[in-house]
Amino acid sequence: MSFVITTDCIYCGACIIECPHEAISKRTNKKRHLSKAKNIANDSLIYINYTKCDECVSLESPKCISICPMDAIKSSNRNFA
């Protein structure tokens, strides 16, 4: 199972700070991205490096999911409709 960051993400960076494996980071986007939540321009996207992520198996729940204020990180096997 992997995680994905949905379009609900407001690019706050909380998940980047909390990830114990440094598996989440910002990637510069060539086009400017408009954040829906704050309606501000943001030129970075947050992504998960799946080769580094161990889904926090030693913890009660994944740190990124528990810290996300927008509930924007989901299991990739879920339906996002």
C-alpha atoms as a PDB file:
ATOM      1  CA  MET A   1       0.000   0.000   0.000  1.00  0.00           C
ATOM      2  CA  SER A   2       1.250   3.500  -0.821  1.00  0.00           C
ATOM      3  CA  PHE A   3       0.071   6.990  -0.058  1.00  0.00           C
ATOM      4  CA  VAL A   4      -0.896   9.804  -2.389  1.00  0.00           C
ATOM      5  CA  ILE A   5      -1.293  13.503  -1.776  1.00  0.00           C
ATOM      6  CA  THR A   6      -4.646  14.695  -3.067  1.00  0.00           C
ATOM      7  CA  THR A   7      -5.649  18.054  -4.513  1.00  0.00           C
ATOM      8  CA  ASP A   8      -6.902  19.039  -1.039  1.00  0.00           C
ATOM      9  CA  CYS A   9      -3.254  19.742  -0.123  1.00  0.00           C
ATOM     10  CA  ILE A  10      -2.583  23.384   0.815  1.00  0.00           C
ATOM     11  CA  TYR A  11       1.223  22.947   0.648  1.00  0.00           C
ATOM     12  CA  CYS A  12       1.756  23.804   4.315  1.00  0.00           C
ATOM     13  CA  GLY A  13       4.757  21.456   4.579  1.00  0.00           C
ATOM     14  CA  ALA A  14       3.739  19.874   7.891  1.00  0.00           C
ATOM     15  CA  CYS A  15       4.114  16.384   6.450  1.00  0.00           C
ATOM     16  CA  ILE A  16       7.636  17.182   5.234  1.00  0.00           C
ATOM     17  CA  ILE A  17       8.717  18.182   8.727  1.00  0.00           C
ATOM     18  CA  GLU A  18       7.071  15.192  10.448  1.00  0.00           C
ATOM     19  CA  CYS A  19       8.200  12.413   8.102  1.00  0.00           C
ATOM     20  CA  PRO A  20      10.761  10.317  10.017  1.00  0.00           C
ATOM     21  CA  HIS A  21      12.217   8.907   6.779  1.00  0.00           C
ATOM     22  CA  GLU A  22      12.483  12.154   4.790  1.00  0.00           C
ATOM     23  CA  ALA A  23      10.246  10.570   2.174  1.00  0.00           C
ATOM     24  CA  ILE A  24       8.143  13.688   1.552  1.00  0.00           C
ATOM     25  CA  SER A  25       9.523  16.767  -0.130  1.00  0.00           C
ATOM     26  CA  LYS A  26       8.680  19.717  -2.335  1.00  0.00           C
ATOM     27  CA  ARG A  27       9.323  19.553  -6.051  1.00  0.00           C
ATOM     28  CA  THR A  28       9.513  22.762  -8.030  1.00  0.00           C
ATOM     29  CA  ASN A  29       6.881  22.979 -10.726  1.00  0.00           C
ATOM     30  CA  LYS A  30       7.707  24.828 -13.940  1.00  0.00           C
ATOM     31  CA  LYS A  31       4.188  26.239 -14.062  1.00  0.00           C
ATOM     32  CA  ARG A  32       2.834  28.133 -11.098  1.00  0.00           C
ATOM     33  CA  HIS A  33       0.207  26.206  -9.179  1.00  0.00           C
ATOM     34  CA  LEU A  34      -2.816  27.921  -7.643  1.00  0.00           C
ATOM     35  CA  SER A  35      -3.628  26.715  -4.143  1.00  0.00           C
ATOM     36  CA  LYS A  36      -7.401  26.363  -3.785  1.00  0.00           C
ATOM     37  CA  ALA A  37      -7.430  26.608  -0.010  1.00  0.00           C
ATOM     38  CA  LYS A  38      -5.658  29.944   0.407  1.00  0.00           C
ATOM     39  CA  ASN A  39      -6.047  31.163  -3.168  1.00  0.00           C
ATOM     40  CA  ILE A  40      -2.342  31.992  -3.373  1.00  0.00           C
ATOM     41  CA  ALA A  41       0.183  31.152  -6.046  1.00  0.00           C
ATOM     42  CA  ASN A  42       2.596  28.379  -5.118  1.00  0.00           C
ATOM     43  CA  ASP A  43       5.363  27.112  -7.365  1.00  0.00           C
ATOM     44  CA  SER A  44       6.038  23.868  -5.477  1.00  0.00           C
ATOM     45  CA  LEU A  45       4.241  20.563  -5.288  1.00  0.00           C
ATOM     46  CA  ILE A  46       4.607  18.103  -2.439  1.00  0.00           C
ATOM     47  CA  TYR A  47       5.264  14.487  -3.307  1.00  0.00           C
ATOM     48  CA  ILE A  48       6.058  11.197  -1.576  1.00  0.00           C
ATOM     49  CA  ASN A  49       9.154   9.193  -2.508  1.00  0.00           C
ATOM     50  CA  TYR A  50       7.761   5.668  -2.316  1.00  0.00           C
ATOM     51  CA  THR A  51      11.209   4.072  -2.085  1.00  0.00           C
ATOM     52  CA  LYS A  52      11.864   5.896   1.214  1.00  0.00           C
ATOM     53  CA  CYS A  53       8.383   5.606   2.747  1.00  0.00           C
ATOM     54  CA  ASP A  54       7.835   2.651   5.078  1.00  0.00           C
ATOM     55  CA  GLU A  55       4.322   3.866   5.990  1.00  0.00           C
ATOM     56  CA  CYS A  56       5.462   4.306   9.613  1.00  0.00           C
ATOM     57  CA  VAL A  57       4.861   0.627  10.294  1.00  0.00           C
ATOM     58  CA  SER A  58       6.468   0.950  13.737  1.00  0.00           C
ATOM     59  CA  LEU A  59       3.988   3.650  14.767  1.00  0.00           C
ATOM     60  CA  GLU A  60       0.271   3.554  15.506  1.00  0.00           C
ATOM     61  CA  SER A  61      -0.508   5.561  12.351  1.00  0.00           C
ATOM     62  CA  PRO A  62       1.533   7.244   9.616  1.00  0.00           C
ATOM     63  CA  LYS A  63       2.913  10.607  10.784  1.00  0.00           C
ATOM     64  CA  CYS A  64       2.012  12.391   7.553  1.00  0.00           C
ATOM     65  CA  ILE A  65      -1.639  11.381   7.757  1.00  0.00           C
ATOM     66  CA  SER A  66      -1.958  12.301  11.422  1.00  0.00           C
ATOM     67  CA  ILE A  67      -0.369  15.758  10.965  1.00  0.00           C
ATOM     68  CA  CYS A  68      -2.119  16.842   7.739  1.00  0.00           C
ATOM     69  CA  PRO A  69      -4.603  19.657   8.523  1.00  0.00           C
ATOM     70  CA  MET A  70      -6.548  19.054   5.293  1.00  0.00           C
ATOM     71  CA  ASP A  71      -6.717  15.234   5.383  1.00  0.00           C
ATOM     72  CA  ALA A  72      -5.006  15.367   1.978  1.00  0.00           C
ATOM     73  CA  ILE A  73      -2.881  12.214   2.301  1.00  0.00           C
ATOM     74  CA  LYS A  74      -4.713   9.003   1.484  1.00  0.00           C
ATOM     75  CA  SER A  75      -3.935   5.374   0.900  1.00  0.00           C
ATOM     76  CA  SER A  76      -3.601   4.799  -2.825  1.00  0.00           C
ATOM     77  CA  ASN A  77      -5.968   1.839  -2.660  1.00  0.00           C
ATOM     78  CA  ARG A  78      -8.902   4.091  -1.653  1.00  0.00           C
ATOM     79  CA  ASN A  79     -11.486   5.569  -3.973  1.00  0.00           C
ATOM     80  CA  PHE A  80     -11.117   9.356  -4.072  1.00  0.00           C
ATOM     81  CA  ALA A  81     -14.389  10.131  -5.829  1.00  0.00           C
END
